[in-house]
Amino acid sequence: MDGTTRVDIEEMKARAVRSKRPRRSFGYEVARLIFYGLYRLMGWRVLGEAPADKKLVIIAAPHETNWDLTQMLGIAFYYRIPVRWMGKKSLGEGPFGWLMRWWGLLPVDRKGTTRLVDQVIAAYDEADEMALVIAPEGTRADVKAWKTGFYNIALEAEVPVALGFIDYANKFGGLDGTLVPCGDYEADMEKVADFYRTRVSRFNHPLTGESLRGDREG
């Protein structure tokens, strides 16, 4: 297919194997067996070299279906990268709050006086290891531009951005590329666009059909 002729599948598979992190706790390895096992049972492969950084932002694209979370969890568990995701503060409360936090919830208060970016930076400062997954499209619906929150967080927290991809047409996904934000959003997004031009979405259209110029957010 057009989207796969520009990537070396076997070479990316070998780099994925090399970039797996060491075994973690017994509980984590059991969860890995479940989530990565489901990923494989669905016929998917992991390709690409995950960064070794302990603190990073992972952008997950494209975001077009509820299955995206399942695929990204399978990918993260393959590499043994414990990921976190932002959610309402209330999700971390109540009888099932512990479960949401175990699944990686990073509770944020969007209605409070503290900027969202500042809340996330504080979490990075407190953590020894943190990989925050963000879908830059912000929604499963068609969008005209990516939201810039992931970029602002990475820039101010001084962490790299790992480029994650999900290709439904060919059933592979992974991490394969890192961006260190320089502060020039448009210049950095040109580099990101170059990466995603070789990946296709669930409906087999180039992800760069969307504008990467950005829907600015704080």
N, C-alpha and C. Protein backbone atom coordinates (compact mmCIF):
# COMPACT_ATOMS: atom_id res chain seq x y z
N MET A 1 0.84 -1.20 0.00
CA MET A 1 0.00 0.00 0.00
C MET A 1 0.88 1.25 0.00
N ASP A 2 0.34 2.35 -0.49
CA ASP A 2 1.15 3.55 -0.63
C ASP A 2 1.78 3.99 0.68
N GLY A 3 1.04 3.83 1.80
CA GLY A 3 1.54 4.32 3.07
C GLY A 3 2.67 3.50 3.63
N THR A 4 2.85 2.25 3.12
CA THR A 4 3.88 1.40 3.70
C THR A 4 5.10 1.28 2.82
N THR A 5 5.01 1.75 1.58
CA THR A 5 6.16 1.60 0.68
C THR A 5 7.30 2.50 1.11
N ARG A 6 7.04 3.46 1.96
CA ARG A 6 8.08 4.40 2.36
C ARG A 6 8.69 4.07 3.71
N VAL A 7 8.36 2.94 4.29
CA VAL A 7 8.97 2.52 5.54
C VAL A 7 9.48 1.10 5.39
N ASP A 8 10.59 0.79 6.03
CA ASP A 8 11.18 -0.54 6.00
C ASP A 8 10.63 -1.32 7.19
N ILE A 9 9.67 -2.19 6.94
CA ILE A 9 8.96 -2.89 8.01
C ILE A 9 9.92 -3.73 8.86
N GLU A 10 10.76 -4.51 8.23
CA GLU A 10 11.65 -5.40 8.98
C GLU A 10 12.66 -4.61 9.82
N GLU A 11 13.16 -3.53 9.26
CA GLU A 11 14.12 -2.70 9.99
C GLU A 11 13.46 -2.04 11.19
N MET A 12 12.21 -1.58 11.02
CA MET A 12 11.49 -0.94 12.13
C MET A 12 11.13 -1.97 13.21
N LYS A 13 10.83 -3.19 12.78
CA LYS A 13 10.52 -4.26 13.74
C LYS A 13 11.74 -4.57 14.59
N ALA A 14 12.93 -4.63 13.96
CA ALA A 14 14.17 -4.92 14.69
C ALA A 14 14.48 -3.82 15.70
N ARG A 15 14.23 -2.57 15.32
CA ARG A 15 14.49 -1.47 16.25
C ARG A 15 13.50 -1.47 17.40
N ALA A 16 12.28 -1.92 17.15
CA ALA A 16 11.29 -2.03 18.23
C ALA A 16 11.76 -3.04 19.27
N VAL A 17 12.26 -4.17 18.81
CA VAL A 17 12.75 -5.20 19.73
C VAL A 17 13.91 -4.67 20.57
N ARG A 18 14.81 -3.95 19.94
CA ARG A 18 15.99 -3.44 20.65
C ARG A 18 15.62 -2.38 21.69
N SER A 19 14.52 -1.68 21.49
CA SER A 19 14.19 -0.56 22.37
C SER A 19 13.24 -0.93 23.51
N LYS A 20 12.90 -2.21 23.64
CA LYS A 20 12.09 -2.62 24.78
C LYS A 20 12.85 -2.38 26.07
N ARG A 21 12.16 -1.91 27.09
CA ARG A 21 12.80 -1.62 28.38
C ARG A 21 12.83 -2.88 29.25
N PRO A 22 13.64 -2.87 30.32
CA PRO A 22 13.76 -4.06 31.19
C PRO A 22 12.43 -4.43 31.84
N ARG A 23 12.35 -5.67 32.28
CA ARG A 23 11.15 -6.15 32.95
C ARG A 23 10.84 -5.31 34.18
N ARG A 24 9.54 -5.16 34.46
CA ARG A 24 9.09 -4.37 35.59
C ARG A 24 8.50 -5.28 36.67
N SER A 25 7.65 -4.73 37.50
CA SER A 25 7.09 -5.50 38.61
C SER A 25 6.23 -6.66 38.10
N PHE A 26 5.95 -7.60 38.98
CA PHE A 26 5.12 -8.74 38.62
C PHE A 26 3.75 -8.29 38.14
N GLY A 27 3.14 -7.33 38.86
CA GLY A 27 1.83 -6.83 38.47
C GLY A 27 1.85 -6.20 37.09
N TYR A 28 2.89 -5.44 36.80
CA TYR A 28 3.00 -4.79 35.49
C TYR A 28 3.14 -5.83 34.40
N GLU A 29 3.95 -6.86 34.65
CA GLU A 29 4.17 -7.87 33.63
C GLU A 29 2.89 -8.67 33.36
N VAL A 30 2.06 -8.87 34.39
CA VAL A 30 0.78 -9.54 34.18
C VAL A 30 -0.12 -8.67 33.29
N ALA A 31 -0.17 -7.36 33.60
CA ALA A 31 -0.97 -6.44 32.78
C ALA A 31 -0.43 -6.39 31.35
N ARG A 32 0.87 -6.43 31.22
CA ARG A 32 1.50 -6.42 29.89
C ARG A 32 1.07 -7.66 29.10
N LEU A 33 1.03 -8.79 29.76
CA LEU A 33 0.62 -10.03 29.11
C LEU A 33 -0.80 -9.89 28.56
N ILE A 34 -1.66 -9.23 29.32
CA ILE A 34 -3.05 -9.08 28.92
C ILE A 34 -3.19 -8.08 27.76
N PHE A 35 -2.66 -6.87 27.96
CA PHE A 35 -2.88 -5.81 26.98
C PHE A 35 -2.09 -6.03 25.69
N TYR A 36 -0.83 -6.41 25.81
CA TYR A 36 -0.07 -6.67 24.58
C TYR A 36 -0.56 -7.96 23.93
N GLY A 37 -0.99 -8.93 24.76
CA GLY A 37 -1.55 -10.15 24.21
C GLY A 37 -2.79 -9.88 23.38
N LEU A 38 -3.67 -8.99 23.88
CA LEU A 38 -4.87 -8.61 23.12
C LEU A 38 -4.48 -7.93 21.82
N TYR A 39 -3.49 -7.06 21.90
CA TYR A 39 -2.99 -6.34 20.71
C TYR A 39 -2.55 -7.33 19.64
N ARG A 40 -1.81 -8.37 20.04
CA ARG A 40 -1.31 -9.36 19.10
C ARG A 40 -2.44 -10.25 18.58
N LEU A 41 -3.39 -10.60 19.47
CA LEU A 41 -4.50 -11.43 19.04
C LEU A 41 -5.34 -10.75 17.96
N MET A 42 -5.33 -9.43 17.98
CA MET A 42 -6.07 -8.68 16.97
C MET A 42 -5.28 -8.56 15.66
N GLY A 43 -4.09 -9.14 15.65
CA GLY A 43 -3.30 -9.17 14.43
C GLY A 43 -2.38 -7.99 14.21
N TRP A 44 -2.11 -7.24 15.29
CA TRP A 44 -1.29 -6.04 15.16
C TRP A 44 0.18 -6.31 15.48
N ARG A 45 1.06 -5.45 14.91
CA ARG A 45 2.50 -5.51 15.18
C ARG A 45 2.97 -4.16 15.73
N VAL A 46 4.07 -4.19 16.45
CA VAL A 46 4.70 -2.96 16.94
C VAL A 46 5.96 -2.72 16.11
N LEU A 47 6.09 -1.51 15.61
CA LEU A 47 7.25 -1.13 14.80
C LEU A 47 7.84 0.17 15.33
N GLY A 48 9.14 0.32 15.20
CA GLY A 48 9.78 1.58 15.53
C GLY A 48 10.52 1.57 16.85
N GLU A 49 11.42 2.51 16.98
CA GLU A 49 12.31 2.59 18.15
C GLU A 49 11.79 3.60 19.17
N ALA A 50 11.45 3.11 20.36
CA ALA A 50 10.97 4.00 21.42
C ALA A 50 12.16 4.72 22.05
N PRO A 51 12.00 5.98 22.42
CA PRO A 51 13.09 6.71 23.07
C PRO A 51 13.37 6.16 24.46
N ALA A 52 14.59 6.34 24.92
CA ALA A 52 14.99 5.84 26.23
C ALA A 52 14.69 6.84 27.34
N ASP A 53 14.25 8.06 27.00
CA ASP A 53 14.00 9.10 27.99
C ASP A 53 12.99 8.64 29.03
N LYS A 54 13.25 8.97 30.29
CA LYS A 54 12.33 8.60 31.36
C LYS A 54 11.14 9.56 31.44
N LYS A 55 11.32 10.77 30.95
CA LYS A 55 10.23 11.74 30.95
C LYS A 55 10.01 12.22 29.52
N LEU A 56 8.78 12.10 29.05
CA LEU A 56 8.46 12.51 27.68
C LEU A 56 6.96 12.68 27.50
N VAL A 57 6.61 13.35 26.42
CA VAL A 57 5.23 13.42 25.95
C VAL A 57 5.14 12.50 24.75
N ILE A 58 4.10 11.67 24.71
CA ILE A 58 3.86 10.81 23.55
C ILE A 58 2.62 11.31 22.84
N ILE A 59 2.75 11.67 21.57
CA ILE A 59 1.55 12.04 20.82
C ILE A 59 1.06 10.80 20.08
N ALA A 60 -0.23 10.56 20.18
CA ALA A 60 -0.86 9.39 19.57
C ALA A 60 -1.75 9.86 18.42
N ALA A 61 -1.41 9.43 17.22
CA ALA A 61 -2.18 9.88 16.05
C ALA A 61 -2.22 8.76 15.00
N PRO A 62 -3.27 8.71 14.21
CA PRO A 62 -4.47 9.54 14.29
C PRO A 62 -5.42 9.03 15.37
N HIS A 63 -6.35 9.88 15.78
CA HIS A 63 -7.32 9.53 16.81
C HIS A 63 -8.70 9.53 16.16
N GLU A 64 -9.16 8.34 15.75
CA GLU A 64 -10.39 8.27 14.97
C GLU A 64 -11.39 7.25 15.49
N THR A 65 -11.05 6.46 16.50
CA THR A 65 -11.95 5.43 16.98
C THR A 65 -11.69 5.14 18.45
N ASN A 66 -12.67 4.56 19.12
CA ASN A 66 -12.51 4.19 20.53
C ASN A 66 -11.44 3.12 20.73
N TRP A 67 -11.09 2.42 19.67
CA TRP A 67 -10.06 1.39 19.77
C TRP A 67 -8.67 1.99 19.90
N ASP A 68 -8.52 3.27 19.65
CA ASP A 68 -7.19 3.89 19.70
C ASP A 68 -6.53 3.68 21.06
N LEU A 69 -7.29 3.80 22.14
CA LEU A 69 -6.72 3.63 23.48
C LEU A 69 -6.20 2.21 23.67
N THR A 70 -6.99 1.23 23.20
CA THR A 70 -6.56 -0.16 23.31
C THR A 70 -5.26 -0.40 22.55
N GLN A 71 -5.17 0.16 21.34
CA GLN A 71 -3.96 -0.02 20.53
C GLN A 71 -2.75 0.65 21.19
N MET A 72 -2.95 1.88 21.71
CA MET A 72 -1.83 2.60 22.30
C MET A 72 -1.36 1.93 23.58
N LEU A 73 -2.29 1.36 24.35
CA LEU A 73 -1.89 0.63 25.55
C LEU A 73 -1.08 -0.61 25.18
N GLY A 74 -1.51 -1.30 24.13
CA GLY A 74 -0.76 -2.45 23.67
C GLY A 74 0.65 -2.08 23.26
N ILE A 75 0.78 -0.95 22.56
CA ILE A 75 2.09 -0.47 22.12
C ILE A 75 2.96 -0.10 23.32
N ALA A 76 2.38 0.65 24.25
CA ALA A 76 3.15 1.08 25.43
C ALA A 76 3.60 -0.10 26.27
N PHE A 77 2.71 -1.07 26.46
CA PHE A 77 3.08 -2.25 27.24
C PHE A 77 4.16 -3.05 26.52
N TYR A 78 4.13 -3.08 25.20
CA TYR A 78 5.19 -3.79 24.46
C TYR A 78 6.56 -3.22 24.83
N TYR A 79 6.67 -1.88 24.78
CA TYR A 79 7.94 -1.23 25.09
C TYR A 79 8.24 -1.20 26.59
N ARG A 80 7.24 -1.55 27.40
CA ARG A 80 7.33 -1.43 28.86
C ARG A 80 7.49 0.03 29.29
N ILE A 81 6.69 0.88 28.68
CA ILE A 81 6.64 2.29 29.06
C ILE A 81 5.33 2.52 29.80
N PRO A 82 5.37 2.76 31.11
CA PRO A 82 4.13 3.05 31.84
C PRO A 82 3.62 4.44 31.47
N VAL A 83 2.47 4.51 30.85
CA VAL A 83 1.97 5.78 30.33
C VAL A 83 0.91 6.37 31.26
N ARG A 84 0.76 7.68 31.14
CA ARG A 84 -0.27 8.40 31.87
C ARG A 84 -1.09 9.20 30.87
N TRP A 85 -2.31 9.52 31.25
CA TRP A 85 -3.20 10.29 30.40
C TRP A 85 -4.00 11.26 31.27
N MET A 86 -4.32 12.41 30.73
CA MET A 86 -5.02 13.44 31.49
C MET A 86 -6.52 13.16 31.53
N GLY A 87 -7.10 13.38 32.70
CA GLY A 87 -8.54 13.22 32.85
C GLY A 87 -9.06 14.12 33.95
N LYS A 88 -10.36 14.25 34.02
CA LYS A 88 -10.97 15.10 35.04
C LYS A 88 -10.55 14.66 36.44
N LYS A 89 -10.37 15.62 37.30
CA LYS A 89 -9.97 15.35 38.67
C LYS A 89 -10.93 14.38 39.35
N SER A 90 -12.22 14.48 39.03
CA SER A 90 -13.24 13.65 39.67
C SER A 90 -13.06 12.17 39.34
N LEU A 91 -12.40 11.86 38.22
CA LEU A 91 -12.19 10.46 37.85
C LEU A 91 -11.29 9.74 38.85
N GLY A 92 -10.43 10.51 39.52
CA GLY A 92 -9.51 9.92 40.48
C GLY A 92 -10.08 9.83 41.88
N GLU A 93 -11.34 10.18 42.02
CA GLU A 93 -12.00 10.16 43.33
C GLU A 93 -13.04 9.04 43.38
N GLY A 94 -13.59 8.80 44.54
CA GLY A 94 -14.63 7.78 44.67
C GLY A 94 -14.06 6.38 44.78
N PRO A 95 -14.93 5.38 44.80
CA PRO A 95 -14.51 4.00 45.04
C PRO A 95 -13.63 3.41 43.95
N PHE A 96 -13.73 3.94 42.72
CA PHE A 96 -12.94 3.40 41.63
C PHE A 96 -11.78 4.33 41.22
N GLY A 97 -11.55 5.34 42.04
CA GLY A 97 -10.48 6.28 41.73
C GLY A 97 -9.12 5.61 41.67
N TRP A 98 -8.90 4.66 42.59
CA TRP A 98 -7.60 3.97 42.61
C TRP A 98 -7.35 3.21 41.32
N LEU A 99 -8.44 2.66 40.74
CA LEU A 99 -8.31 1.90 39.51
C LEU A 99 -7.95 2.82 38.34
N MET A 100 -8.57 3.99 38.29
CA MET A 100 -8.26 4.94 37.22
C MET A 100 -6.82 5.41 37.33
N ARG A 101 -6.37 5.65 38.56
CA ARG A 101 -4.98 6.08 38.73
C ARG A 101 -4.02 4.95 38.35
N TRP A 102 -4.40 3.71 38.67
CA TRP A 102 -3.56 2.57 38.30
C TRP A 102 -3.46 2.45 36.79
N TRP A 103 -4.55 2.80 36.09
CA TRP A 103 -4.56 2.77 34.64
C TRP A 103 -3.79 3.95 34.03
N GLY A 104 -3.30 4.84 34.87
CA GLY A 104 -2.46 5.92 34.37
C GLY A 104 -3.07 7.31 34.42
N LEU A 105 -4.23 7.45 35.04
CA LEU A 105 -4.87 8.76 35.12
C LEU A 105 -3.98 9.80 35.77
N LEU A 106 -3.85 10.95 35.10
CA LEU A 106 -3.24 12.13 35.69
C LEU A 106 -4.37 13.13 35.91
N PRO A 107 -4.88 13.25 37.14
CA PRO A 107 -6.04 14.12 37.38
C PRO A 107 -5.66 15.60 37.18
N VAL A 108 -6.48 16.31 36.43
CA VAL A 108 -6.26 17.74 36.22
C VAL A 108 -7.57 18.48 36.47
N ASP A 109 -7.44 19.71 36.94
CA ASP A 109 -8.59 20.55 37.23
C ASP A 109 -8.64 21.66 36.19
N ARG A 110 -9.49 21.49 35.18
CA ARG A 110 -9.58 22.46 34.09
C ARG A 110 -10.33 23.73 34.50
N LYS A 111 -11.04 23.68 35.63
CA LYS A 111 -11.81 24.83 36.07
C LYS A 111 -11.09 25.62 37.16
N GLY A 112 -9.96 25.15 37.61
CA GLY A 112 -9.23 25.82 38.68
C GLY A 112 -8.47 27.04 38.18
N THR A 113 -7.76 27.68 39.11
CA THR A 113 -7.02 28.89 38.76
C THR A 113 -5.64 28.58 38.21
N THR A 114 -5.15 27.37 38.42
CA THR A 114 -3.83 26.99 37.92
C THR A 114 -3.92 26.51 36.48
N ARG A 115 -3.06 27.04 35.62
CA ARG A 115 -3.07 26.62 34.22
C ARG A 115 -2.88 25.12 34.10
N LEU A 116 -3.52 24.53 33.10
CA LEU A 116 -3.38 23.10 32.85
C LEU A 116 -1.92 22.73 32.63
N VAL A 117 -1.21 23.53 31.85
CA VAL A 117 0.21 23.26 31.58
C VAL A 117 1.01 23.25 32.88
N ASP A 118 0.72 24.18 33.77
CA ASP A 118 1.44 24.25 35.04
C ASP A 118 1.15 23.03 35.91
N GLN A 119 -0.08 22.53 35.87
CA GLN A 119 -0.42 21.33 36.63
C GLN A 119 0.39 20.13 36.13
N VAL A 120 0.51 20.03 34.82
CA VAL A 120 1.25 18.89 34.23
C VAL A 120 2.74 19.03 34.51
N ILE A 121 3.28 20.24 34.42
CA ILE A 121 4.69 20.46 34.72
C ILE A 121 5.00 20.06 36.16
N ALA A 122 4.11 20.39 37.09
CA ALA A 122 4.29 20.00 38.49
C ALA A 122 4.35 18.48 38.62
N ALA A 123 3.52 17.78 37.84
CA ALA A 123 3.52 16.31 37.88
C ALA A 123 4.84 15.76 37.37
N TYR A 124 5.37 16.37 36.30
CA TYR A 124 6.68 15.95 35.79
C TYR A 124 7.77 16.18 36.83
N ASP A 125 7.71 17.31 37.51
CA ASP A 125 8.73 17.64 38.51
C ASP A 125 8.72 16.65 39.66
N GLU A 126 7.54 16.16 40.00
CA GLU A 126 7.40 15.25 41.14
C GLU A 126 7.74 13.79 40.79
N ALA A 127 7.74 13.48 39.51
CA ALA A 127 7.91 12.08 39.08
C ALA A 127 9.35 11.78 38.70
N ASP A 128 9.77 10.55 38.95
CA ASP A 128 11.06 10.08 38.48
C ASP A 128 10.97 9.61 37.03
N GLU A 129 9.76 9.19 36.66
CA GLU A 129 9.52 8.68 35.31
C GLU A 129 8.08 9.01 34.94
N MET A 130 7.89 9.58 33.75
CA MET A 130 6.53 9.95 33.35
C MET A 130 6.44 10.08 31.84
N ALA A 131 5.55 9.31 31.25
CA ALA A 131 5.27 9.38 29.81
C ALA A 131 3.79 9.73 29.66
N LEU A 132 3.51 10.94 29.24
CA LEU A 132 2.14 11.42 29.12
C LEU A 132 1.66 11.28 27.68
N VAL A 133 0.58 10.52 27.47
CA VAL A 133 0.03 10.31 26.13
C VAL A 133 -1.03 11.37 25.85
N ILE A 134 -0.91 12.04 24.70
CA ILE A 134 -1.86 13.08 24.31
C ILE A 134 -2.24 12.86 22.84
N ALA A 135 -3.53 12.94 22.54
CA ALA A 135 -3.99 12.91 21.16
C ALA A 135 -4.10 14.35 20.67
N PRO A 136 -3.19 14.81 19.82
CA PRO A 136 -3.19 16.23 19.43
C PRO A 136 -4.42 16.66 18.65
N GLU A 137 -5.14 15.70 18.08
CA GLU A 137 -6.37 16.07 17.38
C GLU A 137 -7.47 16.47 18.35
N GLY A 138 -7.40 15.94 19.58
CA GLY A 138 -8.33 16.35 20.63
C GLY A 138 -9.71 15.71 20.54
N THR A 139 -10.02 15.05 19.43
CA THR A 139 -11.34 14.46 19.24
C THR A 139 -11.25 13.41 18.15
N ARG A 140 -12.23 12.48 18.13
CA ARG A 140 -12.26 11.48 17.07
C ARG A 140 -12.87 12.04 15.79
N ALA A 141 -13.54 13.17 15.88
CA ALA A 141 -14.15 13.78 14.70
C ALA A 141 -13.07 14.39 13.80
N ASP A 142 -13.43 14.64 12.54
CA ASP A 142 -12.49 15.29 11.64
C ASP A 142 -12.14 16.67 12.17
N VAL A 143 -10.88 17.02 12.14
CA VAL A 143 -10.44 18.33 12.60
C VAL A 143 -9.62 19.00 11.50
N LYS A 144 -9.57 20.33 11.56
CA LYS A 144 -8.82 21.08 10.56
C LYS A 144 -7.40 21.38 11.02
N ALA A 145 -7.17 21.29 12.34
CA ALA A 145 -5.83 21.58 12.85
C ALA A 145 -5.62 20.87 14.17
N TRP A 146 -4.39 20.52 14.44
CA TRP A 146 -4.04 19.92 15.72
C TRP A 146 -4.08 20.97 16.82
N LYS A 147 -4.41 20.55 18.01
CA LYS A 147 -4.30 21.43 19.18
C LYS A 147 -2.84 21.45 19.63
N THR A 148 -2.42 22.55 20.19
CA THR A 148 -1.00 22.74 20.52
C THR A 148 -0.66 22.44 21.97
N GLY A 149 -1.63 21.93 22.74
CA GLY A 149 -1.37 21.68 24.15
C GLY A 149 -0.18 20.76 24.38
N PHE A 150 -0.07 19.69 23.58
CA PHE A 150 1.04 18.74 23.75
C PHE A 150 2.38 19.45 23.57
N TYR A 151 2.43 20.39 22.63
CA TYR A 151 3.67 21.11 22.34
C TYR A 151 4.03 22.05 23.49
N ASN A 152 3.03 22.78 23.98
CA ASN A 152 3.25 23.70 25.08
C ASN A 152 3.75 22.98 26.33
N ILE A 153 3.16 21.81 26.60
CA ILE A 153 3.56 21.02 27.77
C ILE A 153 5.00 20.56 27.63
N ALA A 154 5.33 20.00 26.47
CA ALA A 154 6.69 19.49 26.26
C ALA A 154 7.72 20.62 26.31
N LEU A 155 7.38 21.74 25.72
CA LEU A 155 8.31 22.88 25.69
C LEU A 155 8.58 23.41 27.09
N GLU A 156 7.52 23.63 27.86
CA GLU A 156 7.69 24.22 29.20
C GLU A 156 8.20 23.22 30.22
N ALA A 157 7.89 21.93 30.04
CA ALA A 157 8.39 20.91 30.95
C ALA A 157 9.80 20.47 30.56
N GLU A 158 10.25 20.92 29.38
CA GLU A 158 11.58 20.59 28.86
C GLU A 158 11.75 19.07 28.72
N VAL A 159 10.76 18.45 28.07
CA VAL A 159 10.82 17.02 27.79
C VAL A 159 10.61 16.82 26.28
N PRO A 160 11.16 15.74 25.71
CA PRO A 160 10.98 15.48 24.28
C PRO A 160 9.58 14.96 23.96
N VAL A 161 9.22 15.04 22.69
CA VAL A 161 7.96 14.51 22.20
C VAL A 161 8.25 13.26 21.39
N ALA A 162 7.70 12.12 21.82
CA ALA A 162 7.82 10.88 21.06
C ALA A 162 6.66 10.79 20.09
N LEU A 163 6.94 10.45 18.85
CA LEU A 163 5.93 10.42 17.81
C LEU A 163 5.33 9.03 17.70
N GLY A 164 4.08 8.92 18.15
CA GLY A 164 3.38 7.64 18.11
C GLY A 164 2.42 7.59 16.94
N PHE A 165 2.26 6.41 16.36
CA PHE A 165 1.39 6.28 15.20
C PHE A 165 0.58 4.99 15.28
N ILE A 166 -0.61 5.02 14.69
CA ILE A 166 -1.50 3.86 14.62
C ILE A 166 -2.00 3.76 13.18
N ASP A 167 -1.68 2.66 12.51
CA ASP A 167 -2.06 2.47 11.12
C ASP A 167 -3.07 1.32 11.02
N TYR A 168 -4.36 1.67 10.96
CA TYR A 168 -5.41 0.66 10.90
C TYR A 168 -5.42 -0.07 9.56
N ALA A 169 -4.98 0.58 8.51
CA ALA A 169 -5.02 -0.06 7.19
C ALA A 169 -4.08 -1.26 7.13
N ASN A 170 -2.97 -1.19 7.86
CA ASN A 170 -1.96 -2.24 7.79
C ASN A 170 -1.69 -2.92 9.13
N LYS A 171 -2.43 -2.52 10.16
CA LYS A 171 -2.36 -3.14 11.49
C LYS A 171 -0.96 -3.11 12.10
N PHE A 172 -0.37 -1.93 12.11
CA PHE A 172 0.84 -1.76 12.91
C PHE A 172 0.84 -0.38 13.55
N GLY A 173 1.56 -0.28 14.64
CA GLY A 173 1.67 0.98 15.35
C GLY A 173 2.96 0.98 16.14
N GLY A 174 3.31 2.10 16.71
CA GLY A 174 4.53 2.16 17.50
C GLY A 174 4.97 3.57 17.76
N LEU A 175 6.19 3.69 18.23
CA LEU A 175 6.86 4.97 18.43
C LEU A 175 8.10 4.95 17.54
N ASP A 176 8.32 6.01 16.83
CA ASP A 176 9.49 6.00 15.94
C ASP A 176 9.85 7.42 15.53
N GLY A 177 10.46 8.12 16.42
CA GLY A 177 10.85 9.49 16.14
C GLY A 177 10.67 10.35 17.38
N THR A 178 11.56 11.29 17.57
CA THR A 178 11.51 12.17 18.74
C THR A 178 11.73 13.60 18.31
N LEU A 179 10.91 14.47 18.85
CA LEU A 179 11.06 15.91 18.60
C LEU A 179 11.43 16.61 19.90
N VAL A 180 12.50 17.40 19.86
CA VAL A 180 12.84 18.26 20.99
C VAL A 180 12.39 19.66 20.63
N PRO A 181 11.31 20.16 21.24
CA PRO A 181 10.76 21.45 20.84
C PRO A 181 11.78 22.58 20.95
N CYS A 182 11.82 23.43 19.92
CA CYS A 182 12.76 24.55 19.92
C CYS A 182 12.07 25.87 20.25
N GLY A 183 10.72 25.84 20.28
CA GLY A 183 9.99 27.08 20.54
C GLY A 183 9.35 27.66 19.30
N ASP A 184 9.79 27.21 18.12
CA ASP A 184 9.19 27.65 16.86
C ASP A 184 8.22 26.56 16.44
N TYR A 185 6.95 26.73 16.75
CA TYR A 185 5.95 25.68 16.52
C TYR A 185 5.87 25.28 15.06
N GLU A 186 5.80 26.23 14.17
CA GLU A 186 5.62 25.89 12.76
C GLU A 186 6.82 25.15 12.21
N ALA A 187 8.03 25.54 12.61
CA ALA A 187 9.23 24.85 12.14
C ALA A 187 9.27 23.43 12.67
N ASP A 188 8.92 23.26 13.94
CA ASP A 188 8.92 21.93 14.53
C ASP A 188 7.85 21.04 13.88
N MET A 189 6.70 21.62 13.56
CA MET A 189 5.64 20.83 12.97
C MET A 189 5.96 20.39 11.54
N GLU A 190 6.86 21.10 10.87
CA GLU A 190 7.32 20.63 9.57
C GLU A 190 8.05 19.30 9.72
N LYS A 191 8.84 19.18 10.79
CA LYS A 191 9.54 17.93 11.06
C LYS A 191 8.55 16.81 11.38
N VAL A 192 7.53 17.16 12.16
CA VAL A 192 6.51 16.18 12.53
C VAL A 192 5.75 15.73 11.28
N ALA A 193 5.42 16.67 10.40
CA ALA A 193 4.70 16.35 9.18
C ALA A 193 5.51 15.40 8.30
N ASP A 194 6.82 15.62 8.24
CA ASP A 194 7.68 14.73 7.45
C ASP A 194 7.58 13.30 7.97
N PHE A 195 7.50 13.14 9.29
CA PHE A 195 7.39 11.81 9.89
C PHE A 195 6.05 11.16 9.52
N TYR A 196 4.96 11.89 9.72
CA TYR A 196 3.64 11.30 9.54
C TYR A 196 3.25 11.11 8.08
N ARG A 197 3.99 11.71 7.17
CA ARG A 197 3.67 11.49 5.75
C ARG A 197 3.86 10.04 5.33
N THR A 198 4.63 9.28 6.08
CA THR A 198 4.83 7.87 5.75
C THR A 198 3.90 6.97 6.53
N ARG A 199 2.96 7.56 7.29
CA ARG A 199 1.98 6.76 8.03
C ARG A 199 0.59 7.09 7.50
N VAL A 200 -0.31 6.13 7.58
CA VAL A 200 -1.67 6.36 7.10
C VAL A 200 -2.64 6.10 8.22
N SER A 201 -3.83 6.65 8.08
CA SER A 201 -4.83 6.53 9.12
C SER A 201 -5.73 5.33 8.89
N ARG A 202 -6.67 5.16 9.75
CA ARG A 202 -7.60 4.04 9.67
C ARG A 202 -8.30 4.00 8.31
N PHE A 203 -8.58 5.15 7.74
CA PHE A 203 -9.28 5.21 6.46
C PHE A 203 -8.31 5.41 5.30
N ASN A 204 -7.02 5.15 5.59
CA ASN A 204 -5.99 5.12 4.56
C ASN A 204 -5.82 6.46 3.83
N HIS A 205 -6.00 7.56 4.55
CA HIS A 205 -5.68 8.85 3.96
C HIS A 205 -4.52 9.46 4.75
N PRO A 206 -3.65 10.22 4.10
CA PRO A 206 -2.48 10.76 4.81
C PRO A 206 -2.90 11.63 5.98
N LEU A 207 -2.26 11.40 7.12
CA LEU A 207 -2.58 12.19 8.30
C LEU A 207 -2.34 13.67 8.04
N THR A 208 -1.37 13.97 7.18
CA THR A 208 -1.06 15.36 6.93
C THR A 208 -2.10 16.05 6.05
N GLY A 209 -3.22 15.38 5.80
CA GLY A 209 -4.35 16.08 5.21
C GLY A 209 -4.92 17.09 6.20
N GLU A 210 -4.57 16.91 7.49
CA GLU A 210 -4.95 17.87 8.51
C GLU A 210 -3.84 18.92 8.62
N SER A 211 -4.21 20.10 9.03
CA SER A 211 -3.22 21.14 9.24
C SER A 211 -2.49 20.92 10.56
N LEU A 212 -1.18 21.03 10.52
CA LEU A 212 -0.40 20.93 11.74
C LEU A 212 -0.03 22.30 12.28
N ARG A 213 -0.57 23.35 11.67
CA ARG A 213 -0.23 24.71 12.10
C ARG A 213 -0.67 24.95 13.52
N GLY A 214 -1.78 24.32 13.91
CA GLY A 214 -2.15 24.38 15.32
C GLY A 214 -3.34 25.25 15.66
N ASP A 215 -4.17 24.68 16.51
CA ASP A 215 -5.27 25.42 17.13
C ASP A 215 -4.76 25.78 18.52
N ARG A 216 -4.31 26.99 18.69
CA ARG A 216 -3.58 27.39 19.89
C ARG A 216 -4.39 27.20 21.17
N GLU A 217 -3.74 26.66 22.17
CA GLU A 217 -4.36 26.52 23.47
C GLU A 217 -3.28 26.64 24.52
N GLY A 218 -3.68 27.04 25.72
CA GLY A 218 -2.71 27.27 26.79
C GLY A 218 -2.51 26.07 27.66
